[in-house]
């Protein structure tokens, strides 16, 4: 009995963690499929299933379709810029020798110690002075600044574990340093780059406080801000079911992507951890 209990304990722990993590998401999905008049029911499954909340999400007054497009533009642009800058920066830190290289890397990662909210007021003042309020760049640049340190840190560790002899062999065969980087190193670094891209995209997609602060035009709102500003029929009641439905719409694509590419994500997270 003791042996069986010991064997069962890890699985019990995994089950508890899984339930703990999935319970909020399950309740969001269930609440989204309740009828509007049943939105405060506490039953485990809806008494009557309905898609009225999903229909209401895309009502003309909410502008949720445009908000989704804005989120896609901001998150996609942030991800691309982060990868372009981060890959070259990490490669330089991993391969080149120059004074205070480790100090530079330490300063880069140290910037993540400052909470994003502490930078909000200076950013708002700066963007107001240069006329960037209600623009995409006002949302993209802060997200880029938050994502770059982690990207550089992860990819530097990944590039360091790639043998330098691979590039030397490519250059012996006639490749330039740039060609060796593009044809040899970048393909080998694909798991790490892919993992970084997923993490960056999710962080930019879910960003809220910056988008809320630097945008006050409805047509420029991202999905997270639009959900927070949903109003009920009277304009004063809480559209709980509609917000839950919008949350499902925003979350499900991310969950699907992570589930499909989970092996590559795990491989990218662990690849730079050993030599």
Protein backbone atom coordinates (compact mmCIF):
# COMPACT_ATOMS: atom_id res chain seq x y z
CA UNK A 1 0.00 0.00 0.00
CA UNK A 2 2.83 2.38 0.89
CA UNK A 3 4.59 1.70 -2.42
CA UNK A 4 1.39 2.31 -4.38
CA UNK A 5 0.77 5.52 -2.48
CA UNK A 6 4.26 6.76 -3.25
CA UNK A 7 3.78 5.99 -6.92
CA UNK A 8 0.42 7.71 -6.94
CA UNK A 9 1.57 10.90 -5.17
CA UNK A 10 3.34 12.43 -8.22
CA UNK A 11 0.28 11.84 -10.39
CA UNK A 12 -1.95 13.29 -7.69
CA UNK A 13 0.26 16.37 -7.55
CA UNK A 14 0.15 16.75 -11.33
CA UNK A 15 -3.65 16.41 -11.26
CA UNK A 16 -3.99 19.07 -8.56
CA UNK A 17 -1.74 21.51 -10.43
CA UNK A 18 -3.64 20.86 -13.67
CA UNK A 19 -7.00 21.48 -12.03
CA UNK A 20 -5.66 24.61 -10.33
CA UNK A 21 -4.41 26.01 -13.65
CA UNK A 22 -7.37 25.01 -15.81
CA UNK A 23 -10.23 25.80 -13.41
CA UNK A 24 -10.30 29.57 -14.18
CA UNK A 25 -10.19 28.91 -17.91
CA UNK A 26 -12.95 26.30 -17.62
CA UNK A 27 -15.14 28.74 -15.69
CA UNK A 28 -14.53 31.42 -18.31
CA UNK A 29 -15.63 29.06 -21.09
CA UNK A 30 -18.71 27.90 -19.18
CA UNK A 31 -19.70 31.48 -18.35
CA UNK A 32 -19.28 32.49 -21.98
CA UNK A 33 -21.84 29.87 -23.08
CA UNK A 34 -24.49 30.82 -20.51
CA UNK A 35 -27.48 32.86 -21.55
CA UNK A 36 -27.18 36.57 -20.64
CA UNK A 37 -29.95 36.21 -18.05
CA UNK A 38 -28.07 33.29 -16.46
CA UNK A 39 -24.67 34.95 -16.28
CA UNK A 40 -24.49 34.86 -12.47
CA UNK A 41 -25.45 31.19 -12.14
CA UNK A 42 -22.93 29.07 -10.27
CA UNK A 43 -23.71 25.68 -11.81
CA UNK A 44 -20.75 23.71 -13.17
CA UNK A 45 -22.35 23.53 -16.63
CA UNK A 46 -24.86 25.96 -18.14
CA UNK A 47 -28.52 25.11 -17.64
CA UNK A 48 -29.06 26.12 -21.27
CA UNK A 49 -26.20 26.62 -23.71
CA UNK A 50 -26.19 29.82 -25.74
CA UNK A 51 -23.90 31.72 -28.10
CA UNK A 52 -25.59 35.07 -27.46
CA UNK A 53 -22.53 36.36 -25.61
CA UNK A 54 -20.27 35.61 -28.57
CA UNK A 55 -22.68 37.40 -30.87
CA UNK A 56 -22.71 40.41 -28.55
CA UNK A 57 -18.91 40.57 -28.53
CA UNK A 58 -18.86 41.55 -32.19
CA UNK A 59 -21.65 44.09 -31.84
CA UNK A 60 -21.11 47.36 -33.66
CA UNK A 61 -20.80 49.31 -30.41
CA UNK A 62 -17.88 47.23 -29.14
CA UNK A 63 -15.55 47.45 -32.15
CA UNK A 64 -13.97 44.18 -31.10
CA UNK A 65 -12.98 43.13 -34.61
CA UNK A 66 -10.84 46.26 -35.01
CA UNK A 67 -9.41 45.70 -31.52
CA UNK A 68 -8.31 42.18 -32.48
CA UNK A 69 -6.62 43.57 -35.59
CA UNK A 70 -4.84 46.20 -33.49
CA UNK A 71 -3.61 43.53 -31.07
CA UNK A 72 -2.35 41.43 -33.98
CA UNK A 73 -0.49 44.41 -35.47
CA UNK A 74 1.09 45.40 -32.16
CA UNK A 75 2.01 41.86 -31.09
CA UNK A 76 3.22 40.82 -34.54
CA UNK A 77 5.35 43.93 -35.08
CA UNK A 78 6.79 43.68 -31.56
CA UNK A 79 7.71 40.03 -32.13
CA UNK A 80 9.42 40.66 -35.48
CA UNK A 81 11.41 43.66 -34.22
CA UNK A 82 12.38 41.84 -31.02
CA UNK A 83 13.71 38.86 -32.98
CA UNK A 84 15.63 40.99 -35.49
CA UNK A 85 17.33 43.11 -32.82
CA UNK A 86 17.63 40.29 -30.28
CA UNK A 87 19.20 37.73 -32.62
CA UNK A 88 22.00 40.06 -33.76
CA UNK A 89 22.60 41.38 -30.25
CA UNK A 90 22.72 37.91 -28.73
CA UNK A 91 25.03 36.63 -31.46
CA UNK A 92 27.43 39.52 -30.89
CA UNK A 93 27.45 38.91 -27.13
CA UNK A 94 27.98 35.18 -27.63
CA UNK A 95 30.67 35.27 -30.32
CA UNK A 96 32.53 38.60 -30.21
CA UNK A 97 35.18 39.52 -27.66
CA UNK A 98 35.16 43.11 -26.38
CA UNK A 99 35.72 44.84 -23.04
CA UNK A 100 32.97 44.64 -20.41
CA UNK A 101 30.94 42.14 -22.44
CA UNK A 102 29.62 40.39 -19.33
CA UNK A 103 28.82 43.77 -17.77
CA UNK A 104 26.77 44.72 -20.83
CA UNK A 105 24.83 41.47 -20.60
CA UNK A 106 24.30 42.05 -16.88
CA UNK A 107 22.99 45.57 -17.49
CA UNK A 108 20.62 44.27 -20.18
CA UNK A 109 19.08 41.66 -17.89
CA UNK A 110 19.08 44.10 -14.94
CA UNK A 111 16.62 46.33 -16.79
CA UNK A 112 13.98 43.67 -16.24
CA UNK A 113 14.14 44.37 -12.50
CA UNK A 114 12.22 47.62 -12.97
CA UNK A 115 8.44 47.07 -13.02
CA UNK A 116 6.69 48.28 -16.12
CA UNK A 117 4.32 50.48 -14.14
CA UNK A 118 7.28 52.57 -12.91
CA UNK A 119 8.01 53.59 -16.51
CA UNK A 120 4.44 54.51 -17.34
CA UNK A 121 4.50 58.19 -16.34
CA UNK A 122 7.79 59.02 -18.14
CA UNK A 123 6.60 57.20 -21.25
CA UNK A 124 3.25 58.98 -21.19
CA UNK A 125 4.98 62.36 -20.83
CA UNK A 126 7.40 61.56 -23.66
CA UNK A 127 4.73 60.30 -26.04
CA UNK A 128 2.53 63.31 -25.29
CA UNK A 129 5.37 65.73 -26.08
CA UNK A 130 6.26 64.09 -29.40
CA UNK A 131 2.65 63.50 -30.48
CA UNK A 132 2.62 59.73 -30.28
CA UNK A 133 -0.62 59.33 -28.33
CA UNK A 134 -3.09 57.08 -30.19
CA UNK A 135 -0.40 55.54 -32.41
CA UNK A 136 0.85 52.00 -32.89
CA UNK A 137 4.46 52.93 -32.12
CA UNK A 138 3.44 54.15 -28.67
CA UNK A 139 2.33 50.59 -27.87
CA UNK A 140 5.03 48.75 -29.81
CA UNK A 141 8.17 50.46 -28.46
CA UNK A 142 7.44 49.87 -24.75
CA UNK A 143 6.59 46.23 -25.46
CA UNK A 144 9.82 45.97 -27.44
CA UNK A 145 11.77 47.38 -24.49
CA UNK A 146 10.20 44.88 -22.10
CA UNK A 147 10.74 41.88 -24.40
CA UNK A 148 14.30 42.53 -25.61
CA UNK A 149 16.23 41.82 -22.38
CA UNK A 150 14.73 38.34 -21.97
CA UNK A 151 15.19 37.65 -25.68
CA UNK A 152 18.86 38.64 -25.62
CA UNK A 153 19.48 36.64 -22.45
CA UNK A 154 17.86 33.46 -23.80
CA UNK A 155 19.44 33.62 -27.25
CA UNK A 156 22.89 34.47 -25.89
CA UNK A 157 22.84 31.27 -23.86
CA UNK A 158 21.62 29.38 -26.93
CA UNK A 159 24.31 30.75 -29.27
CA UNK A 160 27.05 30.05 -26.73
CA UNK A 161 26.31 26.35 -26.79
CA UNK A 162 26.66 26.14 -30.58
CA UNK A 163 30.22 25.05 -31.53
CA UNK A 164 32.26 27.82 -33.13
CA UNK A 165 33.84 25.15 -35.33
CA UNK A 166 30.63 25.04 -37.40
CA UNK A 167 31.18 28.61 -38.56
CA UNK A 168 34.88 28.00 -39.13
CA UNK A 169 34.09 24.97 -41.29
CA UNK A 170 31.58 27.01 -43.30
CA UNK A 171 34.12 29.79 -43.85
CA UNK A 172 36.73 27.25 -44.94
CA UNK A 173 34.22 26.09 -47.56
CA UNK A 174 33.95 29.65 -48.88
CA UNK A 175 31.21 31.27 -46.81
CA UNK A 176 31.62 34.75 -45.46
CA UNK A 177 30.97 35.41 -41.76
CA UNK A 178 27.51 36.69 -42.64
CA UNK A 179 26.70 33.70 -44.83
CA UNK A 180 27.85 31.30 -42.11
CA UNK A 181 25.58 33.07 -39.65
CA UNK A 182 22.61 33.04 -42.02
CA UNK A 183 22.98 29.53 -43.45
CA UNK A 184 24.42 27.63 -40.48
CA UNK A 185 23.80 29.35 -37.16
CA UNK A 186 20.29 30.71 -37.67
CA UNK A 187 18.81 27.33 -38.77
CA UNK A 188 20.48 25.60 -35.80
CA UNK A 189 19.14 28.29 -33.47
CA UNK A 190 15.59 27.90 -34.78
CA UNK A 191 14.23 26.19 -31.61
CA UNK A 192 15.47 29.01 -29.40
CA UNK A 193 14.29 31.70 -31.81
CA UNK A 194 10.90 30.05 -32.16
CA UNK A 195 10.47 29.78 -28.39
CA UNK A 196 11.42 33.42 -27.94
CA UNK A 197 8.97 34.45 -30.63
CA UNK A 198 6.09 32.62 -28.92
CA UNK A 199 6.90 34.10 -25.50
CA UNK A 200 7.26 37.60 -26.94
CA UNK A 201 4.04 37.37 -28.94
CA UNK A 202 2.03 36.16 -25.94
CA UNK A 203 3.43 38.93 -23.72
CA UNK A 204 2.69 41.62 -26.31
CA UNK A 205 -0.76 40.17 -27.04
CA UNK A 206 -1.72 40.26 -23.35
CA UNK A 207 -0.22 43.69 -22.59
CA UNK A 208 -2.76 45.99 -20.99
CA UNK A 209 -1.51 48.90 -18.90
CA UNK A 210 0.58 50.63 -21.61
CA UNK A 211 -2.14 50.24 -24.24
CA UNK A 212 -4.72 51.60 -21.80
CA UNK A 213 -2.58 54.63 -20.94
CA UNK A 214 -1.31 55.79 -24.33
CA UNK A 215 -4.50 55.22 -26.33
CA UNK A 216 -7.83 56.95 -25.85
CA UNK A 217 -9.25 56.59 -29.36
CA UNK A 218 -11.61 53.64 -29.70
CA UNK A 219 -10.33 52.68 -33.14
CA UNK A 220 -6.79 52.24 -31.73
CA UNK A 221 -7.67 50.10 -28.71
CA UNK A 222 -6.22 46.61 -28.43
CA UNK A 223 -8.35 43.60 -27.52
CA UNK A 224 -7.43 43.63 -23.82
CA UNK A 225 -8.40 47.28 -23.47
CA UNK A 226 -11.60 46.82 -25.47
CA UNK A 227 -12.70 43.96 -23.19
CA UNK A 228 -12.13 46.10 -20.11
CA UNK A 229 -14.30 48.85 -21.59
CA UNK A 230 -17.27 46.67 -22.54
CA UNK A 231 -20.52 48.14 -21.27
CA UNK A 232 -23.88 46.49 -20.68
CA UNK A 233 -27.23 47.35 -22.17
CA UNK A 234 -27.77 50.35 -19.91
CA UNK A 235 -24.14 51.42 -20.02
CA UNK A 236 -23.80 50.88 -16.27
CA UNK A 237 -24.38 47.15 -15.74
CA UNK A 238 -21.51 44.65 -15.94
CA UNK A 239 -21.51 42.57 -19.17
CA UNK A 240 -19.94 39.58 -17.44
CA UNK A 241 -20.95 37.00 -20.07
CA UNK A 242 -19.76 39.16 -22.97
CA UNK A 243 -16.41 39.71 -21.31
CA UNK A 244 -16.02 35.98 -20.72
CA UNK A 245 -16.81 35.28 -24.37
CA UNK A 246 -14.27 37.87 -25.48
CA UNK A 247 -11.74 36.31 -23.13
CA UNK A 248 -12.30 32.92 -24.77
CA UNK A 249 -11.85 34.44 -28.24
CA UNK A 250 -8.59 36.11 -27.20
CA UNK A 251 -7.19 33.14 -25.27
CA UNK A 252 -8.07 30.10 -27.37
CA UNK A 253 -5.71 30.90 -30.31
CA UNK A 254 -2.78 31.23 -27.88
CA UNK A 255 -3.66 27.95 -26.17
CA UNK A 256 -3.89 26.16 -29.52
CA UNK A 257 -0.51 27.51 -30.66
CA UNK A 258 1.18 26.48 -27.41
CA UNK A 259 -0.35 23.00 -27.53
CA UNK A 260 0.70 22.46 -31.14
CA UNK A 261 4.26 23.67 -30.64
CA UNK A 262 4.81 22.68 -27.01
CA UNK A 263 7.65 20.28 -27.85
CA UNK A 264 9.57 22.92 -29.75
CA UNK A 265 8.93 25.45 -26.99
CA UNK A 266 10.29 23.09 -24.33
CA UNK A 267 13.24 22.20 -26.56
CA UNK A 268 14.06 25.86 -27.05
CA UNK A 269 13.82 26.62 -23.32
CA UNK A 270 16.15 23.78 -22.35
CA UNK A 271 18.58 23.76 -25.29
CA UNK A 272 20.70 26.62 -23.96
CA UNK A 273 20.93 25.17 -20.46
CA UNK A 274 23.68 22.61 -21.09
CA UNK A 275 26.98 22.45 -22.90
